[in-house]
Amino acid sequence: MSFTDPVEPVGHLTAPSSPEEFSQGVIGDSVETVSDFLSPSEWVLGAIEFALGVNPLEQAISWFTGEWESYVRCAEMWRNTGRFTQDLATNVRSGNRELDAGWNGNAADSAYVYFDELAKKIDSLDGHFQDLQASYMDVGRAIARGAELIKGLLEQLADQALILEIELTAGTALAETGVGLVAGYGAAVLEIAEMVRTWGRATEAYSAVQDAIDEATVAGGLAVGGLGVVLKDFPEPGRSYDNPAV
């Protein structure tokens, strides 16, 4: 007896695509813009380091160093694998129905039960693969969204550094007058405080990214555990049928 599969499972086993949100890298073109903006004017970067005690560009890049794009690509792979198992279960059920239509007896009944349970087990794998997909996507989204927020804060820092330098320059130029000294350096102190607050928001955003990654990692571990239980509990064929006439 020949069987015709209604679907083609291997059609889902394709290479994952490159996620659009990582097309410019994790930090992306916004940091390149800030870097270009700061590089010809080292005094601006110096003003930021003076106010914060750190190099924000180097710090942000170190936060997001890694092949984070691979998480999103792997999420697509888990999704494709789940769809593969669904189609495989469909084919097992289809073949089982065809076999049952032309085969009767105790052995046939045992075979039908076995393949029916096998199809159910294969079909149940998809839910665990979907959970894995969601966990990996959560990591990718946390990185992409966090990087986007921090990029904006870096640009804000660059603007604030320019204002700070102007205020410091004005304070130095007018240092001979009491009013100029207070107006220039006083405003500079306030601007430094704003820069510290802006950098604080960036570090808070990074902490939120870390928390989201930790949560997704835990969820992914649970999905792997559930998948392992299902894989170890696949139905095994029962005893072979002993025909009493033989």
C-alpha atoms as a PDB file:
ATOM      1  CA  MET A   1       0.000   0.000   0.000  1.00  0.00           C
ATOM      2  CA  SER A   2       1.341   3.422  -0.936  1.00  0.00           C
ATOM      3  CA  PHE A   3       0.558   6.607   0.941  1.00  0.00           C
ATOM      4  CA  THR A   4       0.292  10.159  -0.317  1.00  0.00           C
ATOM      5  CA  ASP A   5       1.243  12.842   2.175  1.00  0.00           C
ATOM      6  CA  PRO A   6      -1.220  15.755   2.111  1.00  0.00           C
ATOM      7  CA  VAL A   7       1.450  18.277   3.199  1.00  0.00           C
ATOM      8  CA  GLU A   8       5.216  18.671   2.844  1.00  0.00           C
ATOM      9  CA  PRO A   9       6.816  19.236   6.279  1.00  0.00           C
ATOM     10  CA  VAL A  10      10.363  19.851   5.016  1.00  0.00           C
ATOM     11  CA  GLY A  11       9.102  22.974   3.250  1.00  0.00           C
ATOM     12  CA  HIS A  12       9.266  24.705   6.630  1.00  0.00           C
ATOM     13  CA  LEU A  13      12.924  23.840   7.190  1.00  0.00           C
ATOM     14  CA  THR A  14      14.334  26.941   5.548  1.00  0.00           C
ATOM     15  CA  ALA A  15      17.121  29.241   6.692  1.00  0.00           C
ATOM     16  CA  PRO A  16      15.882  32.072   8.921  1.00  0.00           C
ATOM     17  CA  SER A  17      15.873  35.576   7.506  1.00  0.00           C
ATOM     18  CA  SER A  18      17.777  38.573   8.857  1.00  0.00           C
ATOM     19  CA  PRO A  19      15.555  40.602  11.203  1.00  0.00           C
ATOM     20  CA  GLU A  20      14.950  44.133   9.986  1.00  0.00           C
ATOM     21  CA  GLU A  21      15.314  45.675  13.456  1.00  0.00           C
ATOM     22  CA  PHE A  22      18.963  44.571  13.497  1.00  0.00           C
ATOM     23  CA  SER A  23      19.805  45.666   9.952  1.00  0.00           C
ATOM     24  CA  GLN A  24      21.994  48.483  11.309  1.00  0.00           C
ATOM     25  CA  GLY A  25      23.395  46.449  14.172  1.00  0.00           C
ATOM     26  CA  VAL A  26      22.261  46.620  17.761  1.00  0.00           C
ATOM     27  CA  ILE A  27      23.384  50.195  18.344  1.00  0.00           C
ATOM     28  CA  GLY A  28      22.801  51.072  14.709  1.00  0.00           C
ATOM     29  CA  ASP A  29      23.123  54.260  12.735  1.00  0.00           C
ATOM     30  CA  SER A  30      22.049  56.511  15.595  1.00  0.00           C
ATOM     31  CA  VAL A  31      25.236  55.803  17.510  1.00  0.00           C
ATOM     32  CA  GLU A  32      27.207  56.251  14.316  1.00  0.00           C
ATOM     33  CA  THR A  33      25.548  59.643  14.016  1.00  0.00           C
ATOM     34  CA  VAL A  34      26.489  60.529  17.580  1.00  0.00           C
ATOM     35  CA  SER A  35      30.023  59.242  17.061  1.00  0.00           C
ATOM     36  CA  ASP A  36      30.408  61.317  13.908  1.00  0.00           C
ATOM     37  CA  PHE A  37      29.009  64.279  15.777  1.00  0.00           C
ATOM     38  CA  LEU A  38      31.441  63.916  18.657  1.00  0.00           C
ATOM     39  CA  SER A  39      34.596  62.711  16.914  1.00  0.00           C
ATOM     40  CA  PRO A  40      35.583  66.011  15.270  1.00  0.00           C
ATOM     41  CA  SER A  41      34.988  67.748  18.571  1.00  0.00           C
ATOM     42  CA  GLU A  42      36.820  65.851  21.277  1.00  0.00           C
ATOM     43  CA  TRP A  43      36.012  68.590  23.724  1.00  0.00           C
ATOM     44  CA  VAL A  44      32.351  67.604  23.574  1.00  0.00           C
ATOM     45  CA  LEU A  45      33.144  64.024  24.531  1.00  0.00           C
ATOM     46  CA  GLY A  46      35.494  65.387  27.139  1.00  0.00           C
ATOM     47  CA  ALA A  47      32.674  67.469  28.570  1.00  0.00           C
ATOM     48  CA  ILE A  48      30.473  64.383  28.829  1.00  0.00           C
ATOM     49  CA  GLU A  49      33.207  62.363  30.532  1.00  0.00           C
ATOM     50  CA  PHE A  50      33.873  65.284  32.856  1.00  0.00           C
ATOM     51  CA  ALA A  51      30.193  65.413  33.843  1.00  0.00           C
ATOM     52  CA  LEU A  52      29.574  61.661  34.096  1.00  0.00           C
ATOM     53  CA  GLY A  53      32.943  60.111  34.819  1.00  0.00           C
ATOM     54  CA  VAL A  54      32.440  57.595  31.992  1.00  0.00           C
ATOM     55  CA  ASN A  55      32.553  57.482  28.209  1.00  0.00           C
ATOM     56  CA  PRO A  56      28.873  56.934  27.364  1.00  0.00           C
ATOM     57  CA  LEU A  57      29.517  55.687  23.834  1.00  0.00           C
ATOM     58  CA  GLU A  58      31.985  53.044  24.944  1.00  0.00           C
ATOM     59  CA  GLN A  59      29.691  52.044  27.801  1.00  0.00           C
ATOM     60  CA  ALA A  60      26.608  51.714  25.588  1.00  0.00           C
ATOM     61  CA  ILE A  61      28.490  49.706  22.982  1.00  0.00           C
ATOM     62  CA  SER A  62      29.815  47.349  25.682  1.00  0.00           C
ATOM     63  CA  TRP A  63      26.239  46.845  26.932  1.00  0.00           C
ATOM     64  CA  PHE A  64      25.028  45.632  23.560  1.00  0.00           C
ATOM     65  CA  THR A  65      28.066  43.791  22.250  1.00  0.00           C
ATOM     66  CA  GLY A  66      27.080  40.343  21.000  1.00  0.00           C
ATOM     67  CA  GLU A  67      25.283  38.496  18.240  1.00  0.00           C
ATOM     68  CA  TRP A  68      21.813  39.480  19.453  1.00  0.00           C
ATOM     69  CA  GLU A  69      20.440  39.139  15.936  1.00  0.00           C
ATOM     70  CA  SER A  70      20.933  35.386  16.268  1.00  0.00           C
ATOM     71  CA  TYR A  71      18.200  35.286  18.936  1.00  0.00           C
ATOM     72  CA  VAL A  72      15.612  36.600  16.501  1.00  0.00           C
ATOM     73  CA  ARG A  73      16.865  34.273  13.781  1.00  0.00           C
ATOM     74  CA  CYS A  74      16.700  31.355  16.207  1.00  0.00           C
ATOM     75  CA  ALA A  75      13.145  32.357  17.148  1.00  0.00           C
ATOM     76  CA  GLU A  76      12.180  31.964  13.496  1.00  0.00           C
ATOM     77  CA  MET A  77      13.891  28.569  13.457  1.00  0.00           C
ATOM     78  CA  TRP A  78      11.811  27.420  16.449  1.00  0.00           C
ATOM     79  CA  ARG A  79       8.654  28.613  14.704  1.00  0.00           C
ATOM     80  CA  ASN A  80       9.578  26.733  11.524  1.00  0.00           C
ATOM     81  CA  THR A  81      10.359  23.590  13.513  1.00  0.00           C
ATOM     82  CA  GLY A  82       6.958  23.785  15.194  1.00  0.00           C
ATOM     83  CA  ARG A  83       5.231  24.063  11.837  1.00  0.00           C
ATOM     84  CA  PHE A  84       7.283  21.104  10.628  1.00  0.00           C
ATOM     85  CA  THR A  85       6.007  18.959  13.519  1.00  0.00           C
ATOM     86  CA  GLN A  86       2.414  20.010  12.841  1.00  0.00           C
ATOM     87  CA  ASP A  87       2.667  18.936   9.213  1.00  0.00           C
ATOM     88  CA  LEU A  88       4.428  15.716  10.200  1.00  0.00           C
ATOM     89  CA  ALA A  89       1.556  14.890  12.578  1.00  0.00           C
ATOM     90  CA  THR A  90      -0.916  15.641   9.788  1.00  0.00           C
ATOM     91  CA  ASN A  91       0.831  13.159   7.510  1.00  0.00           C
ATOM     92  CA  VAL A  92       0.939  10.470  10.217  1.00  0.00           C
ATOM     93  CA  ARG A  93      -2.802  10.874  10.820  1.00  0.00           C
ATOM     94  CA  SER A  94      -3.522  10.752   7.096  1.00  0.00           C
ATOM     95  CA  GLY A  95      -1.474   7.602   6.627  1.00  0.00           C
ATOM     96  CA  ASN A  96      -3.075   6.023   9.669  1.00  0.00           C
ATOM     97  CA  ARG A  97      -6.559   6.607   8.283  1.00  0.00           C
ATOM     98  CA  GLU A  98      -5.602   5.110   4.922  1.00  0.00           C
ATOM     99  CA  LEU A  99      -4.024   2.108   6.621  1.00  0.00           C
ATOM    100  CA  ASP A 100      -7.060   1.587   8.835  1.00  0.00           C
ATOM    101  CA  ALA A 101      -9.389   1.674   5.843  1.00  0.00           C
ATOM    102  CA  GLY A 102      -7.798  -1.415   4.290  1.00  0.00           C
ATOM    103  CA  TRP A 103      -6.475  -3.337   7.281  1.00  0.00           C
ATOM    104  CA  ASN A 104      -8.595  -5.055   9.939  1.00  0.00           C
ATOM    105  CA  GLY A 105      -7.996  -7.256  12.931  1.00  0.00           C
ATOM    106  CA  ASN A 106      -6.246  -7.040  16.286  1.00  0.00           C
ATOM    107  CA  ALA A 107      -2.890  -6.041  14.824  1.00  0.00           C
ATOM    108  CA  ALA A 108      -4.583  -3.352  12.754  1.00  0.00           C
ATOM    109  CA  ASP A 109      -6.360  -1.984  15.816  1.00  0.00           C
ATOM    110  CA  SER A 110      -3.114  -1.900  17.802  1.00  0.00           C
ATOM    111  CA  ALA A 111      -1.330  -0.154  14.947  1.00  0.00           C
ATOM    112  CA  TYR A 112      -4.086   2.442  14.661  1.00  0.00           C
ATOM    113  CA  VAL A 113      -3.908   3.260  18.384  1.00  0.00           C
ATOM    114  CA  TYR A 114      -0.110   3.518  18.273  1.00  0.00           C
ATOM    115  CA  PHE A 115       0.024   5.845  15.272  1.00  0.00           C
ATOM    116  CA  ASP A 116      -2.851   7.932  16.604  1.00  0.00           C
ATOM    117  CA  GLU A 117      -0.994   8.473  19.894  1.00  0.00           C
ATOM    118  CA  LEU A 118       2.222   9.146  17.984  1.00  0.00           C
ATOM    119  CA  ALA A 119       0.522  11.855  15.913  1.00  0.00           C
ATOM    120  CA  LYS A 120      -0.855  13.481  19.057  1.00  0.00           C
ATOM    121  CA  LYS A 121       2.590  13.551  20.648  1.00  0.00           C
ATOM    122  CA  ILE A 122       4.210  15.001  17.542  1.00  0.00           C
ATOM    123  CA  ASP A 123       1.461  17.612  17.301  1.00  0.00           C
ATOM    124  CA  SER A 124       1.963  18.614  20.949  1.00  0.00           C
ATOM    125  CA  LEU A 125       5.575  19.579  20.250  1.00  0.00           C
ATOM    126  CA  ASP A 126       4.476  22.709  18.421  1.00  0.00           C
ATOM    127  CA  GLY A 127       3.245  24.402  21.599  1.00  0.00           C
ATOM    128  CA  HIS A 128       6.677  24.044  23.207  1.00  0.00           C
ATOM    129  CA  PHE A 129       8.394  25.318  20.076  1.00  0.00           C
ATOM    130  CA  GLN A 130       6.056  28.319  20.112  1.00  0.00           C
ATOM    131  CA  ASP A 131       7.058  29.000  23.725  1.00  0.00           C
ATOM    132  CA  LEU A 132      10.711  28.860  22.713  1.00  0.00           C
ATOM    133  CA  GLN A 133      10.026  31.184  19.805  1.00  0.00           C
ATOM    134  CA  ALA A 134       8.360  33.678  22.135  1.00  0.00           C
ATOM    135  CA  SER A 135      11.261  33.554  24.605  1.00  0.00           C
ATOM    136  CA  TYR A 136      13.887  34.158  21.946  1.00  0.00           C
ATOM    137  CA  MET A 137      11.822  36.936  20.394  1.00  0.00           C
ATOM    138  CA  ASP A 138      11.442  38.567  23.809  1.00  0.00           C
ATOM    139  CA  VAL A 139      15.232  38.702  24.114  1.00  0.00           C
ATOM    140  CA  GLY A 140      15.582  40.203  20.647  1.00  0.00           C
ATOM    141  CA  ARG A 141      12.836  42.774  21.237  1.00  0.00           C
ATOM    142  CA  ALA A 142      14.301  43.780  24.610  1.00  0.00           C
ATOM    143  CA  ILE A 143      17.673  44.407  23.016  1.00  0.00           C
ATOM    144  CA  ALA A 144      16.250  46.289  20.030  1.00  0.00           C
ATOM    145  CA  ARG A 145      13.905  48.487  22.085  1.00  0.00           C
ATOM    146  CA  GLY A 146      16.471  49.142  24.795  1.00  0.00           C
ATOM    147  CA  ALA A 147      19.111  50.088  22.255  1.00  0.00           C
ATOM    148  CA  GLU A 148      16.676  52.416  20.507  1.00  0.00           C
ATOM    149  CA  LEU A 149      15.875  54.217  23.763  1.00  0.00           C
ATOM    150  CA  ILE A 150      19.518  54.511  24.760  1.00  0.00           C
ATOM    151  CA  LYS A 151      20.450  55.807  21.307  1.00  0.00           C
ATOM    152  CA  GLY A 152      18.010  58.657  21.815  1.00  0.00           C
ATOM    153  CA  LEU A 153      19.469  59.398  25.249  1.00  0.00           C
ATOM    154  CA  LEU A 154      22.980  59.441  23.810  1.00  0.00           C
ATOM    155  CA  GLU A 155      21.884  62.000  21.257  1.00  0.00           C
ATOM    156  CA  GLN A 156      20.342  64.028  24.062  1.00  0.00           C
ATOM    157  CA  LEU A 157      23.623  63.844  25.957  1.00  0.00           C
ATOM    158  CA  ALA A 158      25.470  65.159  22.926  1.00  0.00           C
ATOM    159  CA  ASP A 159      23.124  68.143  22.751  1.00  0.00           C
ATOM    160  CA  GLN A 160      23.529  68.792  26.460  1.00  0.00           C
ATOM    161  CA  ALA A 161      27.321  68.585  26.146  1.00  0.00           C
ATOM    162  CA  LEU A 162      27.276  71.281  23.488  1.00  0.00           C
ATOM    163  CA  ILE A 163      25.221  73.520  25.738  1.00  0.00           C
ATOM    164  CA  LEU A 164      27.569  72.768  28.637  1.00  0.00           C
ATOM    165  CA  GLU A 165      30.612  73.757  26.602  1.00  0.00           C
ATOM    166  CA  ILE A 166      28.956  76.996  25.552  1.00  0.00           C
ATOM    167  CA  GLU A 167      28.122  77.789  29.166  1.00  0.00           C
ATOM    168  CA  LEU A 168      31.637  76.954  30.353  1.00  0.00           C
ATOM    169  CA  THR A 169      33.126  79.094  27.599  1.00  0.00           C
ATOM    170  CA  ALA A 170      30.838  81.956  28.520  1.00  0.00           C
ATOM    171  CA  GLY A 171      31.754  81.621  32.180  1.00  0.00           C
ATOM    172  CA  THR A 172      35.457  81.711  31.359  1.00  0.00           C
ATOM    173  CA  ALA A 173      35.093  84.674  29.027  1.00  0.00           C
ATOM    174  CA  LEU A 174      33.116  86.649  31.602  1.00  0.00           C
ATOM    175  CA  ALA A 175      35.042  85.489  34.630  1.00  0.00           C
ATOM    176  CA  GLU A 176      36.288  89.005  35.279  1.00  0.00           C
ATOM    177  CA  THR A 177      32.734  90.102  36.024  1.00  0.00           C
ATOM    178  CA  GLY A 178      30.866  88.659  38.939  1.00  0.00           C
ATOM    179  CA  VAL A 179      27.652  88.450  36.931  1.00  0.00           C
ATOM    180  CA  GLY A 180      29.310  86.589  34.066  1.00  0.00           C
ATOM    181  CA  LEU A 181      30.921  84.114  36.413  1.00  0.00           C
ATOM    182  CA  VAL A 182      27.637  83.271  38.103  1.00  0.00           C
ATOM    183  CA  ALA A 183      25.613  83.213  34.894  1.00  0.00           C
ATOM    184  CA  GLY A 184      28.052  81.058  32.927  1.00  0.00           C
ATOM    185  CA  TYR A 185      29.331  78.592  35.497  1.00  0.00           C
ATOM    186  CA  GLY A 186      26.048  78.522  37.387  1.00  0.00           C
ATOM    187  CA  ALA A 187      24.202  77.468  34.251  1.00  0.00           C
ATOM    188  CA  ALA A 188      26.951  74.927  33.541  1.00  0.00           C
ATOM    189  CA  VAL A 189      26.406  73.298  36.921  1.00  0.00           C
ATOM    190  CA  LEU A 190      22.696  72.980  36.198  1.00  0.00           C
ATOM    191  CA  GLU A 191      23.456  71.495  32.774  1.00  0.00           C
ATOM    192  CA  ILE A 192      25.790  68.921  34.328  1.00  0.00           C
ATOM    193  CA  ALA A 193      22.972  67.924  36.670  1.00  0.00           C
ATOM    194  CA  GLU A 194      20.698  67.426  33.647  1.00  0.00           C
ATOM    195  CA  MET A 195      23.343  65.307  31.944  1.00  0.00           C
ATOM    196  CA  VAL A 196      23.653  63.135  35.045  1.00  0.00           C
ATOM    197  CA  ARG A 197      19.873  62.640  35.032  1.00  0.00           C
ATOM    198  CA  THR A 198      19.912  61.759  31.330  1.00  0.00           C
ATOM    199  CA  TRP A 199      22.656  59.193  31.883  1.00  0.00           C
ATOM    200  CA  GLY A 200      20.717  57.836  34.823  1.00  0.00           C
ATOM    201  CA  ARG A 201      17.771  57.197  32.524  1.00  0.00           C
ATOM    202  CA  ALA A 202      20.119  55.335  30.159  1.00  0.00           C
ATOM    203  CA  THR A 203      21.401  53.076  32.932  1.00  0.00           C
ATOM    204  CA  GLU A 204      17.815  52.452  34.081  1.00  0.00           C
ATOM    205  CA  ALA A 205      16.891  51.487  30.521  1.00  0.00           C
ATOM    206  CA  TYR A 206      19.778  49.033  30.431  1.00  0.00           C
ATOM    207  CA  SER A 207      18.676  47.525  33.753  1.00  0.00           C
ATOM    208  CA  ALA A 208      15.184  47.062  32.307  1.00  0.00           C
ATOM    209  CA  VAL A 209      16.705  45.277  29.310  1.00  0.00           C
ATOM    210  CA  GLN A 210      18.610  42.978  31.646  1.00  0.00           C
ATOM    211  CA  ASP A 211      15.436  42.191  33.604  1.00  0.00           C
ATOM    212  CA  ALA A 212      13.531  41.395  30.388  1.00  0.00           C
ATOM    213  CA  ILE A 213      16.320  39.100  29.210  1.00  0.00           C
ATOM    214  CA  ASP A 214      16.353  37.300  32.568  1.00  0.00           C
ATOM    215  CA  GLU A 215      12.579  36.739  32.409  1.00  0.00           C
ATOM    216  CA  ALA A 216      12.787  35.461  28.837  1.00  0.00           C
ATOM    217  CA  THR A 217      15.640  33.141  29.784  1.00  0.00           C
ATOM    218  CA  VAL A 218      13.591  31.619  32.596  1.00  0.00           C
ATOM    219  CA  ALA A 219      10.605  31.169  30.267  1.00  0.00           C
ATOM    220  CA  GLY A 220      12.856  29.564  27.674  1.00  0.00           C
ATOM    221  CA  GLY A 221      14.226  27.154  30.268  1.00  0.00           C
ATOM    222  CA  LEU A 222      10.704  26.092  31.201  1.00  0.00           C
ATOM    223  CA  ALA A 223       9.883  25.540  27.521  1.00  0.00           C
ATOM    224  CA  VAL A 224      12.979  23.366  27.086  1.00  0.00           C
ATOM    225  CA  GLY A 225      12.010  21.383  30.173  1.00  0.00           C
ATOM    226  CA  GLY A 226       8.502  20.807  28.850  1.00  0.00           C
ATOM    227  CA  LEU A 227       9.874  19.780  25.479  1.00  0.00           C
ATOM    228  CA  GLY A 228      12.223  17.299  27.136  1.00  0.00           C
ATOM    229  CA  VAL A 229       9.338  15.676  29.021  1.00  0.00           C
ATOM    230  CA  VAL A 230       7.327  15.223  25.825  1.00  0.00           C
ATOM    231  CA  LEU A 231      10.280  13.802  23.889  1.00  0.00           C
ATOM    232  CA  LYS A 232      10.968  11.235  26.621  1.00  0.00           C
ATOM    233  CA  ASP A 233       7.314  10.197  26.758  1.00  0.00           C
ATOM    234  CA  PHE A 234       6.759   9.191  23.136  1.00  0.00           C
ATOM    235  CA  PRO A 235       4.578   6.097  22.753  1.00  0.00           C
ATOM    236  CA  GLU A 236       6.388   2.848  22.086  1.00  0.00           C
ATOM    237  CA  PRO A 237       4.924  -0.016  20.059  1.00  0.00           C
ATOM    238  CA  GLY A 238       3.248  -2.655  22.203  1.00  0.00           C
ATOM    239  CA  ARG A 239       3.803  -6.365  21.948  1.00  0.00           C
ATOM    240  CA  SER A 240       3.557  -7.903  18.534  1.00  0.00           C
ATOM    241  CA  TYR A 241       0.239  -9.635  17.836  1.00  0.00           C
ATOM    242  CA  ASP A 242       0.355 -13.389  18.437  1.00  0.00           C
ATOM    243  CA  ASN A 243      -2.079 -15.045  16.039  1.00  0.00           C
ATOM    244  CA  PRO A 244      -3.609 -18.071  17.822  1.00  0.00           C
ATOM    245  CA  ALA A 245      -4.044 -19.847  14.474  1.00  0.00           C
ATOM    246  CA  VAL A 246      -0.308 -19.975  13.917  1.00  0.00           C
END
